[in-house]
Amino acid sequence: PGLTPLLSSPRICMKCKESPAALVIRLKDPFCRSCFREYFVHKFRAVLGKNRVIFPGEKVLLALSGGPASSAMLRQVQEGLRRETAKKLRFIPGIIFVDEGAVCGQSAEQREQSLAAMEAIAQATGFPFHVAHLEQAFELPSSILRRGARGSAAGPGYKAAVQGFIQQQQRQEAAGGDGAACPARPRGPDTAPGSRLPDAALTQQLLRFFEAAETLTAKEEMLQMLRTHLIVHTARTQGYSKVMMGDCCTRVAVKLFTNLALGRGAFLAMDTGFLDTRHGDVAVVRPMRDYMAKEIAFYNHFFGVPTITTPALRPKRREKPSIHHVTEKFLVELQVDFPSTISTVYRTGEKLSPAPAEGTSESELCLLCLCALDTLTGEW
């Protein structure tokens, strides 16, 4: 359902009308591998071109977890920066990996192996690589709990930024320099992750912190919040103005229902929309929102995108499943019999406005998620 491989099918690709189909999208749309790749790449470029929130020459931090969606996102950025690519991407990327192994039950050796694997993937791209350990959340400055000053959103428009970038390129070429828009930069000493894990005392403090949470749902919300704080702090300190997250369509649909169950309905547009500006100076974008999980899985399989399997949050023995897991199971099982379930939920969420989540002053913002406090009640 949704996306089905055709191992021995006489069907012909609907786009090129020549090659045999390798998979079917939305039950009735057969694609060969080549056309599926073009379709996948075009969707990524189209969502960035449509929204126009990433300016040429802007530094963008890619949040890489090693999972299918973020790995596919990294591959799309790599291909978009190649010189021979038509309508190539013009921003300057970097990569961040948040090490969550301590709370996911990994040993020190397993964490070292995961870091080494992620570093190998990052080195192959040539992008700057940053690592944040979850234990470092205890060392974050208090400024992470405040909204930063607005950045490029208050500056010149997108067209003006493009014109300025083109003029800068022409000056570089006239001076005999390299006119490449976004050269792949090697890792430097300031971006080296190192092989040393945080102190054992910090790790134990982190474990006690998570054990204090009574439910698995609370732990997952806490993990997501700390992860976001670490990514935003790294973006600020390293000069990135945008962060790319790998949330796919399936993940967005699950998050929509989960937030409703958790009482975060007013913040759905911020938590699941393409653009999240709650942090002010660092904006979060989700360019993978239009991709189904199965589309991403087949793309990674067909074109050899490396992924790393990381364990989920470690629950206590006999602990009840979290609302996140129950919601995901419900939607995925419903998708089997009703293939339009995920896309319908996703399209419904697109109609939501972020206005209810935006506060007018710091006193009206939640200290943890930076969304507007929904404590004021009016007359019904």
Protein backbone atom coordinates (compact mmCIF):
# COMPACT_ATOMS: atom_id res chain seq x y z
CA PRO A 1 0.00 0.00 0.00
CA GLY A 2 1.19 3.49 -0.78
CA LEU A 3 4.46 2.36 -2.35
CA THR A 4 4.81 -1.20 -3.68
CA PRO A 5 7.86 -2.81 -5.31
CA LEU A 6 7.29 -4.70 -8.54
CA LEU A 7 9.71 -7.63 -8.70
CA SER A 8 8.21 -9.28 -11.77
CA SER A 9 5.72 -6.91 -13.36
CA PRO A 10 5.12 -6.10 -17.04
CA ARG A 11 3.99 -2.57 -16.18
CA ILE A 12 5.80 0.32 -17.85
CA CYS A 13 6.99 3.51 -16.17
CA MET A 14 4.29 6.17 -16.39
CA LYS A 15 6.82 8.94 -17.02
CA CYS A 16 9.31 7.70 -19.61
CA LYS A 17 6.88 5.13 -21.14
CA GLU A 18 9.83 2.87 -21.91
CA SER A 19 11.51 1.24 -18.91
CA PRO A 20 9.81 -1.43 -16.79
CA ALA A 21 8.46 -0.16 -13.50
CA ALA A 22 10.46 -0.89 -10.36
CA LEU A 23 7.85 0.37 -7.86
CA VAL A 24 4.38 1.87 -7.69
CA ILE A 25 3.53 5.11 -5.90
CA ARG A 26 -0.04 5.73 -4.73
CA LEU A 27 -1.17 2.36 -6.09
CA LYS A 28 -1.54 3.48 -9.72
CA ASP A 29 1.68 5.38 -10.50
CA PRO A 30 4.47 3.02 -11.68
CA PHE A 31 8.02 4.41 -11.86
CA CYS A 32 11.30 3.00 -13.10
CA ARG A 33 14.37 3.64 -10.97
CA SER A 34 15.64 6.53 -13.06
CA CYS A 35 12.31 8.36 -13.13
CA PHE A 36 11.74 7.68 -9.43
CA ARG A 37 15.07 9.33 -8.68
CA GLU A 38 14.11 12.39 -10.75
CA TYR A 39 10.74 12.51 -8.99
CA PHE A 40 12.38 12.28 -5.56
CA VAL A 41 14.98 14.96 -6.30
CA HIS A 42 12.44 17.32 -7.89
CA LYS A 43 10.18 17.13 -4.85
CA PHE A 44 13.02 18.24 -2.57
CA ARG A 45 14.03 21.15 -4.81
CA ALA A 46 10.40 22.16 -5.32
CA VAL A 47 9.61 22.50 -1.62
CA LEU A 48 12.68 24.70 -1.07
CA GLY A 49 11.95 26.79 -4.15
CA LYS A 50 8.31 27.20 -3.24
CA ASN A 51 8.91 28.45 0.30
CA ARG A 52 12.04 30.57 -0.37
CA VAL A 53 13.18 30.77 3.23
CA ILE A 54 16.81 29.70 2.68
CA PHE A 55 18.83 32.49 1.09
CA PRO A 56 21.90 32.03 -1.15
CA GLY A 57 25.12 31.92 0.86
CA GLU A 58 23.26 31.20 4.11
CA LYS A 59 24.71 28.68 6.57
CA VAL A 60 22.34 25.77 7.15
CA LEU A 61 22.82 23.07 9.79
CA LEU A 62 21.57 19.59 8.84
CA ALA A 63 20.33 17.58 11.83
CA LEU A 64 21.51 14.05 11.04
CA SER A 65 20.34 11.17 13.22
CA GLY A 66 21.47 8.42 10.88
CA GLY A 67 17.87 7.35 10.21
CA PRO A 68 16.33 6.96 6.73
CA ALA A 69 14.75 10.42 6.45
CA SER A 70 17.70 12.52 7.63
CA SER A 71 20.13 10.39 5.57
CA ALA A 72 18.02 10.90 2.44
CA MET A 73 17.92 14.64 3.21
CA LEU A 74 21.72 14.72 3.41
CA ARG A 75 21.99 12.96 0.05
CA GLN A 76 19.62 15.51 -1.55
CA VAL A 77 21.77 18.37 -0.27
CA GLN A 78 24.92 16.67 -1.56
CA GLU A 79 23.44 16.24 -5.03
CA GLY A 80 22.00 19.74 -5.04
CA LEU A 81 25.43 21.30 -4.44
CA ARG A 82 27.18 19.63 -7.38
CA ARG A 83 28.49 21.95 -10.07
CA GLU A 84 26.77 20.13 -12.91
CA THR A 85 23.37 20.20 -11.20
CA ALA A 86 20.70 22.39 -12.79
CA LYS A 87 19.19 24.87 -10.35
CA LYS A 88 21.79 23.88 -7.77
CA LEU A 89 21.41 24.75 -4.12
CA ARG A 90 23.23 27.88 -2.96
CA PHE A 91 23.51 27.56 0.80
CA ILE A 92 26.49 26.43 2.91
CA PRO A 93 25.69 23.22 4.82
CA GLY A 94 27.01 21.73 8.04
CA ILE A 95 26.05 18.56 9.91
CA ILE A 96 25.18 17.98 13.55
CA PHE A 97 24.70 14.65 15.29
CA VAL A 98 23.22 14.45 18.79
CA ASP A 99 24.54 11.48 20.74
CA GLU A 100 21.63 10.07 22.78
CA GLY A 101 23.22 6.69 23.51
CA ALA A 102 23.31 7.18 27.26
CA VAL A 103 19.52 7.22 27.67
CA CYS A 104 18.98 4.61 24.94
CA GLY A 105 20.86 1.88 26.78
CA GLN A 106 24.07 1.94 24.73
CA SER A 107 27.40 1.08 26.33
CA ALA A 108 30.42 3.36 26.00
CA GLU A 109 31.81 1.11 23.26
CA GLN A 110 28.54 1.20 21.31
CA ARG A 111 28.41 4.98 21.58
CA GLU A 112 31.96 5.23 20.28
CA GLN A 113 31.05 2.99 17.34
CA SER A 114 27.99 5.11 16.50
CA LEU A 115 30.08 8.29 16.63
CA ALA A 116 32.73 6.75 14.39
CA ALA A 117 30.09 5.64 11.87
CA MET A 118 28.48 9.08 11.80
CA GLU A 119 31.86 10.75 11.43
CA ALA A 120 32.67 8.50 8.46
CA ILE A 121 29.42 9.53 6.74
CA ALA A 122 30.10 13.21 7.43
CA GLN A 123 33.71 13.01 6.21
CA ALA A 124 32.50 11.54 2.92
CA THR A 125 30.44 14.70 2.33
CA GLY A 126 33.18 17.18 3.20
CA PHE A 127 30.74 19.27 5.24
CA PRO A 128 31.68 20.65 8.69
CA PHE A 129 30.67 18.10 11.33
CA HIS A 130 29.50 18.90 14.86
CA VAL A 131 28.68 16.48 17.65
CA ALA A 132 26.55 17.26 20.71
CA HIS A 133 26.21 14.77 23.56
CA LEU A 134 22.90 14.77 25.39
CA GLU A 135 24.81 15.23 28.66
CA GLN A 136 25.83 18.70 27.47
CA ALA A 137 22.24 19.86 27.98
CA PHE A 138 23.18 20.48 31.64
CA GLU A 139 25.82 22.96 30.50
CA LEU A 140 23.63 25.01 28.17
CA PRO A 141 23.40 28.75 28.92
CA SER A 142 20.13 30.22 30.13
CA SER A 143 19.87 32.15 26.87
CA ILE A 144 18.67 28.95 25.18
CA LEU A 145 15.38 29.46 27.01
CA ARG A 146 14.84 32.86 25.41
CA ARG A 147 13.89 33.77 21.87
CA GLY A 148 16.78 35.25 19.90
CA ALA A 149 16.69 38.41 17.80
CA ARG A 150 15.20 37.95 14.37
CA GLY A 151 17.74 37.36 11.62
CA SER A 152 17.24 37.26 7.87
CA ALA A 153 13.47 37.39 8.16
CA ALA A 154 13.75 41.12 8.88
CA GLY A 155 16.36 41.73 6.14
CA PRO A 156 16.02 42.13 2.37
CA GLY A 157 13.72 39.91 0.40
CA TYR A 158 14.62 36.66 -1.32
CA LYS A 159 15.03 38.21 -4.78
CA ALA A 160 17.35 40.91 -3.42
CA ALA A 161 19.43 38.25 -1.69
CA VAL A 162 19.70 36.26 -4.94
CA GLN A 163 20.82 39.35 -6.89
CA GLY A 164 23.42 40.17 -4.25
CA PHE A 165 24.72 36.62 -4.32
CA ILE A 166 25.01 36.60 -8.14
CA GLN A 167 26.93 39.90 -8.06
CA GLN A 168 29.28 38.51 -5.43
CA GLN A 169 29.91 35.45 -7.64
CA GLN A 170 30.68 37.64 -10.63
CA ARG A 171 33.18 39.68 -8.60
CA GLN A 172 34.89 36.46 -7.45
CA GLU A 173 35.12 35.16 -11.01
CA ALA A 174 36.45 38.49 -12.27
CA ALA A 175 39.12 38.39 -9.56
CA GLY A 176 40.13 34.89 -10.66
CA GLY A 177 38.77 33.18 -7.56
CA ASP A 178 36.60 30.11 -7.35
CA GLY A 179 33.05 31.06 -8.15
CA ALA A 180 31.51 27.94 -6.64
CA ALA A 181 28.41 28.78 -4.68
CA CYS A 182 28.83 26.33 -1.89
CA PRO A 183 32.20 24.60 -1.84
CA ALA A 184 32.41 21.54 0.33
CA ARG A 185 34.58 22.48 3.26
CA PRO A 186 36.75 19.92 5.03
CA ARG A 187 36.41 19.32 8.70
CA GLY A 188 38.60 21.48 10.86
CA PRO A 189 39.78 21.17 14.44
CA ASP A 190 36.87 23.27 15.65
CA THR A 191 34.39 20.73 14.27
CA ALA A 192 36.14 17.52 15.27
CA PRO A 193 33.93 15.39 17.52
CA GLY A 194 36.80 13.70 19.30
CA SER A 195 36.70 10.21 20.69
CA ARG A 196 36.13 11.11 24.33
CA LEU A 197 32.65 10.73 25.77
CA PRO A 198 31.34 13.05 28.50
CA ASP A 199 32.33 12.39 32.10
CA ALA A 200 30.66 9.41 33.75
CA ALA A 201 29.29 11.73 36.45
CA LEU A 202 27.40 13.75 33.83
CA THR A 203 26.07 10.56 32.28
CA GLN A 204 24.78 9.34 35.65
CA GLN A 205 23.18 12.73 36.26
CA LEU A 206 21.42 12.47 32.90
CA LEU A 207 20.17 8.96 33.66
CA ARG A 208 18.79 10.07 37.05
CA PHE A 209 17.13 13.00 35.32
CA PHE A 210 15.28 10.70 32.90
CA GLU A 211 14.45 8.16 35.60
CA ALA A 212 12.63 10.91 37.49
CA ALA A 213 10.08 11.08 34.69
CA GLU A 214 7.17 8.84 35.59
CA THR A 215 6.05 7.80 32.10
CA LEU A 216 7.69 6.88 28.82
CA THR A 217 5.68 9.65 27.16
CA ALA A 218 7.26 12.26 29.45
CA LYS A 219 10.72 10.85 28.74
CA GLU A 220 10.24 11.07 24.99
CA GLU A 221 9.00 14.65 25.24
CA MET A 222 11.99 15.50 27.42
CA LEU A 223 14.39 13.86 24.98
CA GLN A 224 12.93 15.77 22.05
CA MET A 225 13.15 19.07 23.93
CA LEU A 226 16.78 18.58 25.01
CA ARG A 227 17.74 17.49 21.51
CA THR A 228 16.20 20.65 20.03
CA HIS A 229 17.96 22.88 22.58
CA LEU A 230 21.34 21.33 21.76
CA ILE A 231 20.83 21.71 18.01
CA VAL A 232 19.70 25.34 18.30
CA HIS A 233 22.58 26.19 20.64
CA THR A 234 25.10 24.65 18.22
CA ALA A 235 23.56 26.59 15.35
CA ARG A 236 23.88 29.85 17.28
CA THR A 237 27.46 29.33 18.41
CA GLN A 238 28.65 28.14 14.98
CA GLY A 239 26.90 30.86 12.98
CA TYR A 240 24.06 28.89 11.34
CA SER A 241 20.79 30.73 10.76
CA LYS A 242 18.72 27.73 9.60
CA VAL A 243 18.38 24.14 10.79
CA MET A 244 17.08 21.37 8.53
CA MET A 245 15.18 18.56 10.23
CA GLY A 246 14.39 15.22 8.57
CA ASP A 247 10.74 14.90 9.62
CA CYS A 248 8.93 13.00 6.85
CA CYS A 249 5.20 12.97 6.07
CA THR A 250 4.59 9.89 8.21
CA ARG A 251 6.43 11.41 11.18
CA VAL A 252 4.53 14.69 10.80
CA ALA A 253 1.17 12.88 10.80
CA VAL A 254 2.12 10.96 13.95
CA LYS A 255 3.25 14.17 15.63
CA LEU A 256 -0.04 15.89 14.75
CA PHE A 257 -2.09 13.26 16.53
CA THR A 258 0.39 12.98 19.40
CA ASN A 259 0.31 16.71 20.06
CA LEU A 260 -3.47 16.67 20.14
CA ALA A 261 -3.38 13.87 22.72
CA LEU A 262 -0.82 15.79 24.79
CA GLY A 263 -2.81 19.04 24.79
CA ARG A 264 -0.48 20.87 22.38
CA GLY A 265 -3.12 21.50 19.72
CA ALA A 266 -2.41 25.25 19.66
CA PHE A 267 1.19 24.58 18.65
CA LEU A 268 0.62 22.08 15.84
CA ALA A 269 1.66 24.51 13.09
CA MET A 270 4.97 25.26 14.85
CA ASP A 271 5.75 21.63 15.70
CA THR A 272 4.88 20.17 12.28
CA GLY A 273 4.97 23.02 9.72
CA PHE A 274 7.64 23.59 7.10
CA LEU A 275 8.97 26.66 8.92
CA ASP A 276 9.35 27.01 12.69
CA THR A 277 10.46 30.50 13.80
CA ARG A 278 9.88 30.21 17.54
CA HIS A 279 13.62 30.57 18.31
CA GLY A 280 13.90 33.90 16.52
CA ASP A 281 17.47 33.97 15.24
CA VAL A 282 17.52 30.28 14.22
CA ALA A 283 14.68 28.98 12.05
CA VAL A 284 13.86 25.28 11.70
CA VAL A 285 12.79 23.98 8.28
CA ARG A 286 11.43 20.53 7.42
CA PRO A 287 12.05 19.90 3.70
CA MET A 288 11.22 16.16 3.93
CA ARG A 289 7.60 16.72 4.96
CA ASP A 290 6.21 15.72 1.56
CA TYR A 291 7.88 12.30 1.53
CA MET A 292 6.19 9.15 2.78
CA ALA A 293 8.35 6.84 4.89
CA LYS A 294 8.12 4.12 2.22
CA GLU A 295 9.27 6.50 -0.51
CA ILE A 296 12.34 7.31 1.55
CA ALA A 297 13.01 3.64 2.31
CA PHE A 298 12.96 2.68 -1.37
CA TYR A 299 15.09 5.66 -2.38
CA ASN A 300 17.74 4.72 0.18
CA HIS A 301 17.61 1.08 -0.94
CA PHE A 302 17.79 1.78 -4.68
CA PHE A 303 20.59 4.35 -4.52
CA GLY A 304 22.72 3.07 -1.66
CA VAL A 305 22.15 5.83 0.89
CA PRO A 306 24.00 4.82 4.09
CA THR A 307 21.90 4.77 7.25
CA ILE A 308 22.67 3.93 10.86
CA THR A 309 20.19 2.16 13.11
CA THR A 310 20.04 3.77 16.54
CA PRO A 311 18.11 2.32 19.49
CA ALA A 312 14.98 3.96 20.79
CA LEU A 313 14.57 5.37 24.27
CA ARG A 314 15.05 2.58 26.79
CA PRO A 315 11.84 1.95 28.78
CA LYS A 316 11.57 0.44 32.22
CA ARG A 317 10.50 -3.16 32.55
CA ARG A 318 6.76 -3.63 31.95
CA GLU A 319 6.37 0.08 31.32
CA LYS A 320 3.31 1.06 29.30
CA PRO A 321 3.99 2.23 25.73
CA SER A 322 4.17 5.96 25.16
CA ILE A 323 1.47 8.00 23.45
CA HIS A 324 3.96 8.47 20.59
CA HIS A 325 4.26 4.71 20.04
CA VAL A 326 0.52 4.06 20.36
CA THR A 327 -0.29 6.85 17.89
CA GLU A 328 2.29 5.64 15.38
CA LYS A 329 1.03 2.07 15.58
CA PHE A 330 -2.56 3.24 15.10
CA LEU A 331 -1.81 5.35 12.01
CA VAL A 332 0.53 2.85 10.37
CA GLU A 333 -1.94 -0.02 10.81
CA LEU A 334 -4.79 2.15 9.52
CA GLN A 335 -2.64 3.06 6.51
CA VAL A 336 -2.53 -0.63 5.51
CA ASP A 337 -6.28 -0.78 4.80
CA PHE A 338 -6.73 2.91 3.92
CA PRO A 339 -3.70 4.10 1.94
CA SER A 340 -4.69 7.76 2.10
CA THR A 341 -4.68 7.95 5.89
CA ILE A 342 -1.23 9.49 6.38
CA SER A 343 -1.56 11.97 3.53
CA THR A 344 -5.02 13.07 4.69
CA VAL A 345 -3.78 13.79 8.22
CA TYR A 346 -0.75 15.59 6.81
CA ARG A 347 -2.79 17.78 4.44
CA THR A 348 -5.16 18.70 7.25
CA GLY A 349 -2.23 19.88 9.35
CA GLU A 350 -1.01 22.10 6.51
CA LYS A 351 -4.10 24.29 6.91
CA LEU A 352 -3.22 25.27 10.48
CA SER A 353 -1.90 28.74 11.29
CA PRO A 354 1.13 29.32 13.57
CA ALA A 355 -0.45 32.49 15.01
CA PRO A 356 -1.79 30.85 18.24
CA ALA A 357 1.74 29.70 19.13
CA GLU A 358 3.37 33.12 18.75
CA GLY A 359 3.63 35.28 21.87
CA THR A 360 4.09 39.04 21.81
CA SER A 361 6.51 39.20 24.78
CA GLU A 362 8.95 36.96 26.64
CA SER A 363 6.59 36.73 29.62
CA GLU A 364 3.97 35.11 27.41
CA LEU A 365 6.28 32.29 26.22
CA CYS A 366 6.73 28.84 27.69
CA LEU A 367 10.16 28.54 29.29
CA LEU A 368 10.83 25.15 27.69
CA CYS A 369 9.27 25.08 24.22
CA LEU A 370 9.16 28.87 23.57
CA CYS A 371 5.56 28.74 22.35
CA ALA A 372 2.89 31.09 23.64
CA LEU A 373 1.34 30.20 26.97
CA ASP A 374 -2.23 29.06 26.47
CA THR A 375 -3.31 29.84 30.02
CA LEU A 376 -5.67 32.73 29.23
CA THR A 377 -9.29 31.71 29.04
CA GLY A 378 -12.03 33.79 27.49
CA GLU A 379 -15.77 33.71 27.85
CA TRP A 380 -17.54 30.85 26.11
